[in-house]
Protein backbone atom coordinates (compact mmCIF):
# COMPACT_ATOMS: atom_id res chain seq x y z
CA MET A 1 -24.31 1.60 19.18
CA LYS A 2 -26.38 -1.45 17.95
CA ILE A 3 -23.97 -3.59 15.33
CA SER A 4 -24.76 -6.97 13.64
CA VAL A 5 -21.45 -9.14 12.25
CA PHE A 6 -21.93 -11.46 9.42
CA GLY A 7 -19.11 -14.31 9.55
CA LEU A 8 -18.02 -15.84 12.87
CA GLY A 9 -14.50 -16.62 11.79
CA TYR A 10 -11.53 -15.47 13.64
CA VAL A 11 -12.28 -11.67 12.75
CA GLY A 12 -15.76 -11.79 13.23
CA CYS A 13 -15.91 -13.51 16.25
CA VAL A 14 -12.98 -11.44 17.91
CA SER A 15 -14.78 -8.23 16.62
CA ALA A 16 -17.81 -9.13 17.78
CA ALA A 17 -17.05 -9.52 21.48
CA CYS A 18 -14.91 -7.04 21.56
CA LEU A 19 -17.19 -4.72 20.50
CA ALA A 20 -19.62 -5.91 23.29
CA ALA A 21 -17.17 -5.67 25.73
CA ARG A 22 -16.68 -1.76 24.54
CA GLY A 23 -20.53 -1.66 25.27
CA HIS A 24 -22.20 -2.30 22.03
CA GLU A 25 -25.13 -4.23 21.36
CA VAL A 26 -24.01 -7.25 19.00
CA VAL A 27 -25.69 -9.41 17.00
CA GLY A 28 -23.40 -12.28 15.38
CA VAL A 29 -24.41 -13.74 12.01
CA ASP A 30 -23.02 -17.36 10.35
CA VAL A 31 -24.80 -19.47 8.05
CA ASN A 32 -22.69 -22.50 10.72
CA PRO A 33 -25.39 -23.45 13.19
CA VAL A 34 -22.87 -24.82 15.45
CA LYS A 35 -21.42 -21.12 15.22
CA VAL A 36 -24.56 -19.46 16.51
CA ASP A 37 -25.31 -22.24 19.29
CA LEU A 38 -21.77 -21.99 20.39
CA ILE A 39 -21.80 -17.99 20.81
CA ASN A 40 -25.48 -18.12 22.13
CA ALA A 41 -23.99 -20.86 25.06
CA GLY A 42 -21.02 -18.37 25.91
CA THR A 43 -18.51 -20.26 23.93
CA ALA A 44 -16.30 -18.85 21.19
CA PRO A 45 -16.34 -20.95 18.13
CA VAL A 46 -12.64 -20.15 17.73
CA VAL A 47 -9.34 -20.95 19.73
CA GLU A 48 -7.78 -17.37 20.88
CA GLU A 49 -6.16 -16.22 23.65
CA ARG A 50 -8.91 -14.24 26.07
CA ILE A 51 -11.70 -14.62 23.55
CA GLY A 52 -13.16 -17.12 25.54
CA GLU A 53 -13.36 -15.12 28.64
CA LEU A 54 -14.62 -12.16 26.96
CA THR A 55 -17.30 -13.92 24.85
CA LYS A 56 -18.89 -15.87 27.92
CA GLN A 57 -18.83 -12.61 29.80
CA VAL A 58 -20.41 -10.25 27.39
CA VAL A 59 -22.86 -13.18 26.58
CA ALA A 60 -23.69 -13.63 30.02
CA GLU A 61 -24.36 -9.77 30.29
CA GLY A 62 -26.87 -9.66 27.29
CA ARG A 63 -24.70 -7.73 24.73
CA LEU A 64 -23.62 -10.66 22.38
CA ARG A 65 -26.30 -13.01 20.59
CA ALA A 66 -25.82 -14.89 17.47
CA THR A 67 -28.43 -15.91 14.78
CA HIS A 68 -28.52 -17.25 11.06
CA ASP A 69 -31.46 -14.66 9.91
CA VAL A 70 -30.06 -12.29 7.67
CA ARG A 71 -32.99 -9.96 8.13
CA ALA A 72 -33.47 -9.82 11.73
CA ALA A 73 -30.23 -9.26 12.44
CA VAL A 74 -30.10 -5.89 10.49
CA GLU A 75 -33.32 -4.68 11.00
CA ALA A 76 -32.43 -4.91 14.76
CA SER A 77 -28.63 -2.83 14.08
CA GLU A 78 -27.34 0.37 13.30
CA VAL A 79 -24.76 -0.85 11.53
CA SER A 80 -23.08 -4.37 9.74
CA LEU A 81 -19.84 -5.56 10.11
CA VAL A 82 -19.07 -7.64 7.14
CA CYS A 83 -15.86 -10.13 8.19
CA VAL A 84 -16.56 -13.15 5.72
CA GLY A 85 -13.77 -15.08 4.39
CA THR A 86 -12.05 -14.37 0.59
CA PRO A 87 -10.21 -17.41 0.19
CA SER A 88 -7.80 -17.24 -2.95
CA ALA A 89 -7.38 -19.67 -5.47
CA PRO A 90 -4.17 -21.71 -6.53
CA ASN A 91 -3.51 -18.72 -9.14
CA GLY A 92 -3.49 -16.03 -6.38
CA SER A 93 -7.33 -14.76 -7.94
CA LEU A 94 -9.54 -13.45 -4.77
CA SER A 95 -12.62 -15.60 -4.07
CA THR A 96 -15.87 -13.04 -3.40
CA VAL A 97 -18.62 -15.35 -3.08
CA TYR A 98 -19.40 -14.97 0.31
CA LEU A 99 -18.74 -11.52 -0.04
CA GLU A 100 -21.51 -10.99 -2.98
CA ARG A 101 -24.17 -13.48 -1.22
CA VAL A 102 -23.65 -11.42 2.35
CA ALA A 103 -24.12 -8.44 0.31
CA ARG A 104 -26.78 -9.42 -1.46
CA GLU A 105 -28.76 -10.90 1.26
CA ILE A 106 -28.14 -7.70 3.47
CA GLY A 107 -29.20 -5.75 0.50
CA GLU A 108 -32.45 -7.54 0.39
CA ALA A 109 -32.36 -6.60 4.11
CA LEU A 110 -32.31 -3.16 3.83
CA ALA A 111 -35.21 -2.92 1.48
CA GLY A 112 -37.49 -3.06 3.90
CA LEU A 113 -36.19 -0.48 6.37
CA GLU A 114 -36.94 3.02 6.55
CA ARG A 115 -34.08 4.51 8.37
CA TRP A 116 -30.22 4.59 7.50
CA HIS A 117 -27.91 1.82 8.06
CA THR A 118 -24.09 1.37 7.49
CA VAL A 119 -22.72 -1.49 5.90
CA VAL A 120 -18.81 -1.92 7.07
CA PHE A 121 -16.52 -4.29 5.03
CA ARG A 122 -13.85 -5.96 7.64
CA SER A 123 -12.85 -8.87 4.92
CA THR A 124 -9.87 -8.39 3.11
CA MET A 125 -10.15 -7.50 -0.75
CA LEU A 126 -8.16 -6.03 -3.51
CA PRO A 127 -8.85 -2.56 -4.43
CA GLY A 128 -12.02 -2.06 -6.25
CA THR A 129 -14.03 -4.77 -4.97
CA CYS A 130 -16.21 -2.62 -2.70
CA GLU A 131 -17.31 0.38 -5.06
CA ASN A 132 -16.93 -2.04 -8.13
CA LEU A 133 -18.93 -5.28 -7.19
CA LEU A 134 -20.57 -4.99 -3.78
CA VAL A 135 -22.07 -1.89 -3.77
CA PRO A 136 -23.88 -2.35 -6.81
CA ILE A 137 -25.28 -5.29 -5.35
CA LEU A 138 -26.54 -3.86 -2.41
CA GLU A 139 -28.24 -0.93 -4.21
CA LYS A 140 -29.80 -3.69 -6.81
CA ALA A 141 -30.66 -5.77 -3.98
CA SER A 142 -32.36 -2.51 -1.75
CA GLY A 143 -33.42 -0.38 -4.81
CA ARG A 144 -31.95 2.41 -3.00
CA THR A 145 -28.11 4.62 -3.38
CA ALA A 146 -25.43 4.06 -1.16
CA GLY A 147 -24.36 6.82 0.36
CA VAL A 148 -27.72 8.52 -0.13
CA ASP A 149 -30.38 6.25 1.78
CA PHE A 150 -27.63 3.83 3.44
CA GLY A 151 -23.75 4.23 4.26
CA VAL A 152 -21.13 2.04 2.73
CA ALA A 153 -17.36 1.83 4.06
CA VAL A 154 -14.11 -0.60 4.59
CA ASN A 155 -12.69 -0.88 7.76
CA PRO A 156 -9.69 -3.32 7.19
CA GLU A 157 -8.53 -4.98 10.39
CA PHE A 158 -5.06 -5.97 11.45
CA LEU A 159 -5.42 -8.58 13.85
CA ARG A 160 -2.43 -11.12 14.49
CA GLU A 161 -3.96 -14.68 15.11
CA GLY A 162 -2.59 -15.46 19.03
CA SER A 163 -3.02 -11.77 20.00
CA SER A 164 -6.12 -10.62 17.87
CA VAL A 165 -8.05 -9.34 21.24
CA ARG A 166 -4.99 -7.14 22.55
CA ASP A 167 -4.57 -5.97 18.94
CA PHE A 168 -8.02 -4.79 18.68
CA PHE A 169 -8.17 -2.70 21.96
CA GLU A 170 -4.57 -1.85 20.72
CA PRO A 171 -4.19 -1.06 17.28
CA PRO A 172 -1.60 0.25 15.38
CA LYS A 173 -3.91 2.44 12.93
CA THR A 174 -7.82 2.62 12.42
CA VAL A 175 -8.12 2.94 8.29
CA ILE A 176 -11.73 3.81 7.52
CA GLY A 177 -12.67 3.82 3.72
CA GLN A 178 -15.73 5.94 3.34
CA LEU A 179 -17.91 6.10 0.71
CA ASP A 180 -19.51 9.62 2.57
CA GLU A 181 -18.61 11.55 5.18
CA ALA A 182 -21.54 10.34 7.51
CA SER A 183 -20.40 6.65 6.78
CA GLY A 184 -16.97 7.12 8.03
CA ASP A 185 -18.55 8.56 10.75
CA VAL A 186 -20.22 5.68 11.51
CA VAL A 187 -16.95 3.97 11.93
CA ALA A 188 -14.92 6.38 13.67
CA ALA A 189 -17.63 6.15 16.83
CA LEU A 190 -16.75 2.28 16.55
CA TYR A 191 -13.05 2.74 17.97
CA GLU A 192 -13.91 5.95 19.76
CA GLY A 193 -10.77 6.29 22.29
CA LEU A 194 -8.64 3.15 20.87
CA PRO A 195 -4.93 4.02 20.71
CA GLY A 196 -3.56 4.50 17.26
CA GLU A 197 -4.11 7.13 14.63
CA VAL A 198 -7.03 7.06 12.84
CA PHE A 199 -6.63 7.37 8.75
CA ARG A 200 -10.02 8.38 6.90
CA VAL A 201 -9.56 7.81 3.07
CA PRO A 202 -10.84 6.97 0.02
CA VAL A 203 -12.49 3.16 -0.22
CA ALA A 204 -9.61 1.67 -2.80
CA VAL A 205 -7.13 2.82 -0.13
CA ALA A 206 -8.43 1.63 2.65
CA GLU A 207 -8.61 -1.73 0.73
CA MET A 208 -5.02 -1.69 -0.29
CA THR A 209 -3.42 -0.80 3.16
CA LYS A 210 -4.38 -4.91 4.44
CA TYR A 211 -1.86 -6.09 1.32
CA ALA A 212 0.18 -3.37 1.65
CA ASP A 213 1.01 -4.08 5.62
CA ASN A 214 1.02 -8.34 4.35
CA ALA A 215 3.45 -7.76 1.55
CA PHE A 216 5.52 -6.08 3.67
CA HIS A 217 5.51 -8.73 6.83
CA GLY A 218 6.24 -11.40 4.04
CA LEU A 219 9.05 -9.66 3.28
CA LYS A 220 10.58 -8.90 6.25
CA ILE A 221 10.49 -12.32 7.49
CA SER A 222 12.03 -13.31 4.03
CA PHE A 223 14.90 -10.82 4.02
CA ALA A 224 15.79 -12.03 7.71
CA ASN A 225 15.44 -15.74 6.82
CA GLU A 226 17.67 -15.12 3.54
CA LEU A 227 19.90 -13.65 5.57
CA GLY A 228 20.13 -16.22 7.97
CA ALA A 229 20.99 -18.83 5.18
CA ILE A 230 23.66 -16.78 4.18
CA CYS A 231 25.35 -16.31 7.76
CA ARG A 232 25.21 -19.96 8.52
CA ALA A 233 26.93 -20.51 5.22
CA LEU A 234 29.58 -18.54 6.16
CA GLY A 235 29.97 -19.41 10.18
CA LEU A 236 27.95 -16.67 11.35
CA ASP A 237 25.45 -15.81 13.89
CA SER A 238 22.59 -14.55 12.03
CA HIS A 239 20.85 -13.41 15.36
CA GLN A 240 24.22 -11.12 16.20
CA VAL A 241 24.18 -9.43 12.51
CA MET A 242 20.06 -8.89 13.13
CA ASP A 243 20.75 -7.01 16.06
CA VAL A 244 22.84 -4.84 14.47
CA PHE A 245 20.61 -3.97 12.14
CA LEU A 246 17.93 -3.72 14.35
CA ALA A 247 19.61 -0.91 16.56
CA ASP A 248 19.36 1.57 13.33
CA THR A 249 15.88 3.36 13.92
CA LYS A 250 17.44 5.94 11.29
CA LEU A 251 17.23 4.39 8.25
CA ASN A 252 16.63 0.50 9.01
CA ILE A 253 13.64 -0.03 10.86
CA SER A 254 12.23 3.68 10.03
CA PRO A 255 10.23 5.49 7.28
CA ALA A 256 13.42 5.44 5.24
CA TYR A 257 13.12 4.40 1.56
CA LEU A 258 9.45 3.20 2.37
CA ARG A 259 7.93 6.22 -0.51
CA PRO A 260 7.67 5.52 -3.94
CA GLY A 261 9.98 7.00 -6.10
CA PHE A 262 12.07 6.28 -9.01
CA ALA A 263 14.92 3.27 -9.13
CA PHE A 264 17.67 3.48 -6.38
CA GLY A 265 21.68 3.73 -7.19
CA GLY A 266 24.80 5.12 -6.52
CA SER A 267 28.36 3.85 -5.76
CA CYS A 268 27.27 1.13 -2.84
CA LEU A 269 23.45 -0.19 -2.94
CA PRO A 270 23.64 -2.01 -6.54
CA LYS A 271 27.59 -3.15 -5.96
CA ASP A 272 26.76 -4.49 -2.58
CA LEU A 273 24.05 -6.52 -3.24
CA ARG A 274 25.37 -8.31 -6.30
CA GLY A 275 27.99 -9.06 -3.94
CA LEU A 276 26.03 -10.36 -0.75
CA VAL A 277 23.78 -12.64 -3.78
CA TYR A 278 27.02 -13.86 -5.17
CA ALA A 279 28.56 -14.55 -1.99
CA ALA A 280 25.57 -16.58 -1.49
CA ARG A 281 25.81 -18.47 -4.97
CA GLN A 282 29.10 -19.14 -3.88
CA ALA A 283 27.88 -20.87 -0.69
CA ASP A 284 25.28 -22.78 -2.45
CA VAL A 285 23.09 -21.16 -0.89
CA SER A 286 19.19 -19.89 -2.75
CA VAL A 287 18.26 -16.47 -2.42
CA PRO A 288 15.45 -16.14 -4.55
CA LEU A 289 14.59 -12.22 -2.64
CA LEU A 290 17.62 -11.09 -2.44
CA SER A 291 18.71 -11.92 -6.20
CA HIS A 292 15.74 -10.49 -7.46
CA ILE A 293 16.10 -7.03 -5.68
CA LEU A 294 17.96 -5.49 -8.66
CA PRO A 295 15.74 -7.18 -11.37
CA SER A 296 12.74 -5.54 -9.47
CA ASN A 297 14.56 -2.16 -9.83
CA GLU A 298 15.68 -2.53 -13.64
CA GLU A 299 11.70 -2.84 -14.40
CA HIS A 300 11.08 0.08 -12.36
CA LEU A 301 13.53 2.27 -14.10
CA ARG A 302 11.66 0.42 -17.38
CA ARG A 303 8.76 1.98 -16.60
CA ALA A 304 10.07 5.10 -16.57
CA PHE A 305 11.33 4.94 -20.01
CA ASP A 306 7.86 3.64 -21.05
CA LEU A 307 6.34 6.54 -20.13
CA VAL A 308 8.50 8.70 -21.78
CA ALA A 309 8.10 6.44 -25.44
CA GLY A 310 4.38 6.15 -24.72
CA THR A 311 4.07 10.19 -25.11
CA GLY A 312 5.55 10.20 -29.09
CA ARG A 313 7.66 12.96 -28.45
CA ARG A 314 11.12 13.05 -29.40
CA ARG A 315 12.35 16.77 -27.28
CA ILE A 316 13.09 15.44 -24.00
CA GLY A 317 14.27 17.61 -20.94
CA LEU A 318 15.77 15.70 -18.17
CA PHE A 319 16.02 17.40 -14.86
CA GLY A 320 18.87 16.05 -12.59
CA LEU A 321 21.45 13.03 -13.30
CA SER A 322 23.22 12.14 -10.60
CA PHE A 323 21.89 9.63 -8.59
CA LYS A 324 20.75 11.53 -5.36
CA PRO A 325 20.01 15.11 -4.68
CA GLY A 326 22.82 17.07 -3.45
CA THR A 327 25.85 15.14 -4.48
CA ASP A 328 27.43 15.20 -7.79
CA ASP A 329 27.68 11.43 -7.93
CA LEU A 330 26.57 10.05 -11.20
CA ARG A 331 28.05 6.27 -10.35
CA GLU A 332 25.03 3.78 -11.37
CA SER A 333 22.90 6.42 -11.28
CA PRO A 334 19.37 5.51 -12.75
CA LEU A 335 18.97 8.82 -14.51
CA VAL A 336 22.52 8.56 -16.33
CA GLU A 337 20.74 4.95 -17.60
CA LEU A 338 17.32 6.71 -18.40
CA ALA A 339 19.43 9.46 -20.51
CA GLU A 340 21.68 6.84 -21.88
CA ARG A 341 18.21 4.57 -23.17
CA LEU A 342 16.85 7.72 -24.25
CA LEU A 343 19.96 8.61 -26.22
CA GLY A 344 20.00 5.53 -27.70
CA LYS A 345 16.69 5.17 -28.99
CA GLY A 346 17.41 8.84 -31.02
CA TYR A 347 15.97 10.96 -28.65
CA ASP A 348 16.75 14.36 -28.87
CA LEU A 349 17.86 15.07 -25.19
CA ARG A 350 18.80 18.17 -23.09
CA ILE A 351 19.95 17.99 -19.14
CA TYR A 352 19.83 20.18 -16.41
CA ASP A 353 21.31 19.12 -12.98
CA ALA A 354 22.45 22.01 -10.55
CA ASN A 355 25.14 19.45 -8.89
CA VAL A 356 26.81 18.14 -11.89
CA THR A 357 29.54 20.44 -13.95
CA LEU A 358 31.79 18.36 -16.39
CA SER A 359 35.29 20.18 -15.64
CA ARG A 360 34.36 19.57 -11.99
CA LEU A 361 33.61 15.45 -12.13
CA ILE A 362 37.20 13.53 -11.53
CA GLY A 363 38.19 9.96 -10.81
CA ALA A 364 35.95 7.01 -10.90
CA ASN A 365 33.07 9.39 -11.23
CA ARG A 366 34.12 10.84 -14.52
CA ASP A 367 35.53 7.60 -16.20
CA TYR A 368 31.83 5.85 -15.29
CA ILE A 369 30.28 9.09 -16.82
CA GLU A 370 33.06 9.10 -19.70
CA SER A 371 31.64 5.16 -20.49
CA ARG A 372 28.09 5.60 -20.26
CA LEU A 373 27.22 9.35 -21.86
CA PRO A 374 30.89 10.20 -23.77
CA HIS A 375 29.02 13.49 -25.17
CA LEU A 376 27.47 14.58 -21.70
CA GLY A 377 29.09 17.84 -22.58
CA GLN A 378 27.30 18.34 -25.33
CA LEU A 379 23.72 17.41 -23.40
CA LEU A 380 24.18 19.47 -20.40
CA THR A 381 23.29 22.97 -19.73
CA ASN A 382 23.30 25.23 -16.77
CA SER A 383 19.84 26.60 -17.29
CA ALA A 384 16.43 24.90 -16.25
CA GLU A 385 15.09 27.33 -18.42
CA ASP A 386 17.18 26.59 -20.85
CA VAL A 387 16.38 22.88 -20.78
CA LEU A 388 12.30 23.86 -20.30
CA ALA A 389 12.38 25.35 -23.76
CA HIS A 390 13.97 22.70 -25.65
CA ALA A 391 11.70 20.27 -24.22
CA GLU A 392 8.03 18.96 -25.54
CA VAL A 393 8.68 15.90 -22.53
CA CYS A 394 9.99 17.29 -19.03
CA VAL A 395 11.27 14.21 -17.08
CA VAL A 396 11.85 15.48 -13.53
CA GLY A 397 14.42 13.80 -11.67
CA CYS A 398 14.91 16.03 -8.80
CA LYS A 399 13.07 18.53 -6.97
CA ASP A 400 15.66 21.81 -7.25
CA PRO A 401 14.92 24.65 -6.42
CA ALA A 402 15.40 26.11 -10.12
CA VAL A 403 13.73 22.76 -11.87
CA LEU A 404 10.40 23.59 -9.48
CA ASN A 405 10.43 27.67 -10.74
CA ALA A 406 10.85 26.48 -14.48
CA LEU A 407 7.86 23.85 -14.15
CA GLU A 408 5.73 26.47 -13.48
CA HIS A 409 5.56 27.51 -16.50
CA ALA A 410 5.34 24.21 -18.25
CA GLY A 411 2.27 24.96 -19.90
CA ASP A 412 0.97 22.04 -22.12
CA ARG A 413 4.53 20.25 -21.87
CA ILE A 414 4.18 16.74 -20.58
CA VAL A 415 5.52 16.32 -17.21
CA ILE A 416 6.82 12.68 -15.91
CA ASP A 417 7.71 13.02 -12.54
CA LEU A 418 9.85 10.61 -11.27
CA VAL A 419 10.52 11.86 -7.50
CA ARG A 420 6.83 13.46 -6.53
CA LEU A 421 6.95 17.02 -7.28
CA PRO A 422 5.21 18.85 -4.21
CA ASP A 423 2.29 19.76 -6.07
CA ALA A 424 1.48 15.91 -7.30
CA ALA A 425 -1.29 15.83 -5.64
CA ALA A 426 -2.49 18.78 -7.74
CA ARG A 427 -1.02 17.73 -10.59
CA ARG A 428 -2.60 14.65 -11.14
CA ALA A 429 -6.09 16.08 -12.39
CA GLN A 430 -4.00 17.24 -15.60
CA PRO A 431 -3.68 15.32 -18.71
CA GLU A 432 -0.12 16.23 -19.25
CA TYR A 433 1.14 15.11 -15.84
CA MET A 434 2.02 11.84 -15.17
CA GLY A 435 3.63 10.18 -11.47
CA LEU A 436 6.05 6.98 -12.15
CA GLY A 437 3.68 5.18 -9.19
CA TRP A 438 1.47 7.47 -7.78
C-alpha cells in the first residue's frame, strides 16, 4: 500500500520504517524540517535499536521518504497513519492540539481527493476522542462524511522504547477500532502475516485498550516495588519471594481475577491484605498501593449500593450471599455487607442462595453471620422464584441455574447485575438492566 505517516517521533518513525520494510511505499510527514531532512538522508531522527540501519535501508531502496507537505502526502497515499504526540498537563488532562491540527490538515487535503482514503489514528487518546472530536474535524474540513466518503480507524501501538522495532514485527496483539468494516479491512491488511491475535472492536474500545495496558504495567511495577520494600525491611530477599510468586501461572500470572465483577471478600484476601499493610506500617514502610486496595474494594461495593438506591424502589431481591460461588462461606462476603447496608437503610429484602442454609452454618461462619445479619432466617428463602415474586429490583450476585431460570421471568423488574450474566451483552440494550462494570 501507499501510506503517509504523520509525526516522526518514536512511534511514527518506527512505524514508517517498519511498514516500508514490509514492502509498503511510505512517506513521512512532520512540521520539523530537521526530522524531514534526516529521514531523506537515510538517518533515523530517534535513537532506537535497529531503527538506524532499517531507516537507511528502506530510504536507499526508495520505499521511505519524508516531506512537510500534508496535501502532497495525502494525495500520494491510500492510508494516513497519525502518530503525533498527546502530552498531558500536570493535572492529567490530555492535550489534543496536535491531533486536531493534523485532522484539520488531512481533512482539507481530503476535500480535493476523488478516491477512498483511510485515516488511522495511532496516537494514544482517551475513549471518545476520535468519534466526538476528530471525526467532526475531518468531516468539517473535507466536506465529506466519515464511513461513507472516507475511512476512519484507531490502531493503538504497543511499542516499547528500546525494543520498538522488535515489538512492531512481533506484536502481542493488533487492535483495530473500526468506524466501519472497510476501514478495518484496510488496517488489517497493513499487518497481515504478523503474529498475535487481531481484535477488531468499536473505536472507543480500541482507544481504551492502551490505557488498560499501561495502567496494568504501572500497577505491576508498583506492586513489585512495594513488596520489595517490605521484604527488605523484614530482612528477606524480594527476588526469591517473587520467583515463587511468578511460578504460579494459574492464579498469579494469568487471566485469573482480571474480569470486572463485584467486590472481593472471604476469609483470606481482606485479612491478609490488612496483615501485610500492618506489617509494613510496623516496619515504617509506606505502601500507598497496597494500603489502598481495601478502600478501592469498599468503593466498588458502594457503587453497587448506589445502583440500588438510584432505582427509588424499596423491595429488593438479592440472589447470592456467600463470598464466592460453590461455597457457604459468608465471612467478609461483600454480598453480606451489601445486604446489611440495604437493611440499615430500611429496604425490604429477601435473599436466595442455593448453598446457604442457616441450620447448616457452623463455627466461625455462623458466628460471623449472626453478628452481621442476626435476622437472616427471616430474610433467606429456599426458592429463587419466591425472591423474584417479592422483588421490584433483582440484585444478581451469583449465576446459580435456579437464579438464571428465575430471571427469565423478570419481566419489567430492574435487574442489577454484579456478576455479568451470560446474556449480559443482549441485556445491555434493555432500560431495566444495569451492569455494575459493563
